[in-house]
Amino acid sequence: MNKNRKLYKSIGEVSKEISISTHTLRFWEKEFKQIKPQILAGKRRYYDRNTIVKLKKIKFLLKDKGLTINGVKKFLVNENFFNLDENSNNTINTSKTNLK
């Protein structure tokens, strides 16, 4: 468990790290499908580093940039779309090269 504590942070630790209340984190978990904490014994939430980075990005977009929740959802979907699109283009470019 000590090793896992280094890999994962509790909701309280994350709340302090990014200066957002725990109930806001739970709300964001319901609103944003990208936020998936590990639920361990006693129904305690633990967040990995990638999830914490996503939470910081959501906080920045909501609080600093003034986007709405729907705006942030669209941003996150488009961000994932571009990452997938880029991979698809690489595959397509490889196929086109093989055809020439």
C-alpha atoms as a PDB file:
ATOM      1  CA  MET A   1       0.000   0.000   0.000  1.00  0.00           C
ATOM      2  CA  ASN A   2       2.895   2.373   0.658  1.00  0.00           C
ATOM      3  CA  LYS A   3       3.990   2.062  -2.981  1.00  0.00           C
ATOM      4  CA  ASN A   4       0.405   2.677  -4.136  1.00  0.00           C
ATOM      5  CA  ARG A   5       0.199   5.803  -1.966  1.00  0.00           C
ATOM      6  CA  LYS A   6       3.049   7.243  -4.014  1.00  0.00           C
ATOM      7  CA  LEU A   7       1.292   6.414  -7.291  1.00  0.00           C
ATOM      8  CA  TYR A   8      -2.120   7.620  -6.161  1.00  0.00           C
ATOM      9  CA  LYS A   9      -3.320  10.581  -4.122  1.00  0.00           C
ATOM     10  CA  SER A  10      -6.477  10.722  -2.057  1.00  0.00           C
ATOM     11  CA  ILE A  11      -9.267  13.136  -2.901  1.00  0.00           C
ATOM     12  CA  GLY A  12      -8.212  15.300   0.051  1.00  0.00           C
ATOM     13  CA  GLU A  13      -4.614  15.488  -1.161  1.00  0.00           C
ATOM     14  CA  VAL A  14      -5.732  16.372  -4.692  1.00  0.00           C
ATOM     15  CA  SER A  15      -8.170  18.937  -3.331  1.00  0.00           C
ATOM     16  CA  LYS A  16      -5.344  20.718  -1.518  1.00  0.00           C
ATOM     17  CA  GLU A  17      -2.925  20.403  -4.447  1.00  0.00           C
ATOM     18  CA  ILE A  18      -5.210  22.079  -6.971  1.00  0.00           C
ATOM     19  CA  SER A  19      -7.175  24.268  -4.517  1.00  0.00           C
ATOM     20  CA  ILE A  20     -10.616  22.840  -5.308  1.00  0.00           C
ATOM     21  CA  SER A  21     -13.066  21.453  -2.752  1.00  0.00           C
ATOM     22  CA  THR A  22     -13.672  17.715  -2.546  1.00  0.00           C
ATOM     23  CA  HIS A  23     -17.340  18.107  -3.453  1.00  0.00           C
ATOM     24  CA  THR A  24     -16.310  19.994  -6.611  1.00  0.00           C
ATOM     25  CA  LEU A  25     -13.961  17.126  -7.521  1.00  0.00           C
ATOM     26  CA  ARG A  26     -16.802  14.626  -7.054  1.00  0.00           C
ATOM     27  CA  PHE A  27     -19.054  16.809  -9.219  1.00  0.00           C
ATOM     28  CA  TRP A  28     -16.416  17.029 -11.963  1.00  0.00           C
ATOM     29  CA  GLU A  29     -16.072  13.245 -11.797  1.00  0.00           C
ATOM     30  CA  LYS A  30     -19.760  12.987 -12.758  1.00  0.00           C
ATOM     31  CA  GLU A  31     -19.546  15.704 -15.423  1.00  0.00           C
ATOM     32  CA  PHE A  32     -16.316  14.715 -17.189  1.00  0.00           C
ATOM     33  CA  LYS A  33     -15.942  11.125 -18.358  1.00  0.00           C
ATOM     34  CA  GLN A  34     -12.157  11.620 -18.517  1.00  0.00           C
ATOM     35  CA  ILE A  35     -11.995  11.781 -14.709  1.00  0.00           C
ATOM     36  CA  LYS A  36     -11.911   8.232 -13.412  1.00  0.00           C
ATOM     37  CA  PRO A  37     -10.355   7.852  -9.974  1.00  0.00           C
ATOM     38  CA  GLN A  38      -9.540   4.430  -8.599  1.00  0.00           C
ATOM     39  CA  ILE A  39     -12.137   3.468  -6.001  1.00  0.00           C
ATOM     40  CA  LEU A  40     -10.449   1.267  -3.406  1.00  0.00           C
ATOM     41  CA  ALA A  41     -11.444  -0.287  -0.099  1.00  0.00           C
ATOM     42  CA  GLY A  42     -13.910   1.773   1.879  1.00  0.00           C
ATOM     43  CA  LYS A  43     -15.044   3.546  -1.305  1.00  0.00           C
ATOM     44  CA  ARG A  44     -12.129   5.967  -1.092  1.00  0.00           C
ATOM     45  CA  ARG A  45     -11.116   7.749  -4.259  1.00  0.00           C
ATOM     46  CA  TYR A  46      -7.492   7.754  -5.377  1.00  0.00           C
ATOM     47  CA  TYR A  47      -6.250   9.802  -8.330  1.00  0.00           C
ATOM     48  CA  ASP A  48      -3.239   8.984 -10.478  1.00  0.00           C
ATOM     49  CA  ARG A  49      -0.886  11.606 -11.950  1.00  0.00           C
ATOM     50  CA  ASN A  50      -2.632  11.637 -15.369  1.00  0.00           C
ATOM     51  CA  THR A  51      -6.016  12.282 -13.780  1.00  0.00           C
ATOM     52  CA  ILE A  52      -4.572  15.085 -11.659  1.00  0.00           C
ATOM     53  CA  VAL A  53      -3.167  16.717 -14.812  1.00  0.00           C
ATOM     54  CA  LYS A  54      -6.646  16.516 -16.403  1.00  0.00           C
ATOM     55  CA  LEU A  55      -8.197  18.042 -13.286  1.00  0.00           C
ATOM     56  CA  LYS A  56      -5.708  20.922 -13.412  1.00  0.00           C
ATOM     57  CA  LYS A  57      -6.562  21.488 -17.085  1.00  0.00           C
ATOM     58  CA  ILE A  58     -10.299  21.477 -16.283  1.00  0.00           C
ATOM     59  CA  LYS A  59      -9.759  23.938 -13.432  1.00  0.00           C
ATOM     60  CA  PHE A  60      -7.707  26.229 -15.684  1.00  0.00           C
ATOM     61  CA  LEU A  61     -10.342  26.205 -18.416  1.00  0.00           C
ATOM     62  CA  LEU A  62     -13.244  26.759 -16.000  1.00  0.00           C
ATOM     63  CA  LYS A  63     -11.737  29.200 -13.525  1.00  0.00           C
ATOM     64  CA  ASP A  64      -9.022  31.054 -15.439  1.00  0.00           C
ATOM     65  CA  LYS A  65     -10.400  31.033 -18.995  1.00  0.00           C
ATOM     66  CA  GLY A  66     -14.071  31.285 -17.969  1.00  0.00           C
ATOM     67  CA  LEU A  67     -15.341  28.410 -20.102  1.00  0.00           C
ATOM     68  CA  THR A  68     -18.614  26.737 -19.187  1.00  0.00           C
ATOM     69  CA  ILE A  69     -18.772  23.047 -18.305  1.00  0.00           C
ATOM     70  CA  ASN A  70     -20.147  22.355 -21.785  1.00  0.00           C
ATOM     71  CA  GLY A  71     -17.323  24.409 -23.296  1.00  0.00           C
ATOM     72  CA  VAL A  72     -14.723  22.397 -21.399  1.00  0.00           C
ATOM     73  CA  LYS A  73     -16.401  19.144 -22.472  1.00  0.00           C
ATOM     74  CA  LYS A  74     -16.201  20.244 -26.111  1.00  0.00           C
ATOM     75  CA  PHE A  75     -12.575  21.266 -25.665  1.00  0.00           C
ATOM     76  CA  LEU A  76     -11.669  17.882 -24.150  1.00  0.00           C
ATOM     77  CA  VAL A  77     -13.525  15.977 -26.881  1.00  0.00           C
ATOM     78  CA  ASN A  78     -11.812  18.029 -29.607  1.00  0.00           C
ATOM     79  CA  GLU A  79      -8.436  17.536 -27.933  1.00  0.00           C
ATOM     80  CA  ASN A  80      -8.951  13.748 -27.977  1.00  0.00           C
ATOM     81  CA  PHE A  81     -10.268  13.924 -31.546  1.00  0.00           C
ATOM     82  CA  PHE A  82      -7.136  15.708 -32.750  1.00  0.00           C
ATOM     83  CA  ASN A  83      -4.902  13.165 -31.035  1.00  0.00           C
ATOM     84  CA  LEU A  84      -6.795  10.313 -32.706  1.00  0.00           C
ATOM     85  CA  ASP A  85      -6.933  12.177 -36.004  1.00  0.00           C
ATOM     86  CA  GLU A  86      -3.183  12.695 -35.942  1.00  0.00           C
ATOM     87  CA  ASN A  87      -2.634   8.954 -35.451  1.00  0.00           C
ATOM     88  CA  SER A  88      -5.065   8.165 -38.256  1.00  0.00           C
ATOM     89  CA  ASN A  89      -3.274  10.571 -40.582  1.00  0.00           C
ATOM     90  CA  ASN A  90       0.030   8.856 -39.848  1.00  0.00           C
ATOM     91  CA  THR A  91      -1.496   5.537 -40.798  1.00  0.00           C
ATOM     92  CA  ILE A  92      -3.087   7.016 -43.916  1.00  0.00           C
ATOM     93  CA  ASN A  93       0.166   8.709 -44.917  1.00  0.00           C
ATOM     94  CA  THR A  94       2.006   5.412 -44.554  1.00  0.00           C
ATOM     95  CA  SER A  95      -0.593   3.678 -46.719  1.00  0.00           C
ATOM     96  CA  LYS A  96      -0.367   6.400 -49.376  1.00  0.00           C
ATOM     97  CA  THR A  97       3.413   6.075 -49.395  1.00  0.00           C
ATOM     98  CA  ASN A  98       3.119   2.328 -49.885  1.00  0.00           C
ATOM     99  CA  LEU A  99       0.730   2.830 -52.804  1.00  0.00           C
ATOM    100  CA  LYS A 100       3.100   5.128 -54.725  1.00  0.00           C
END
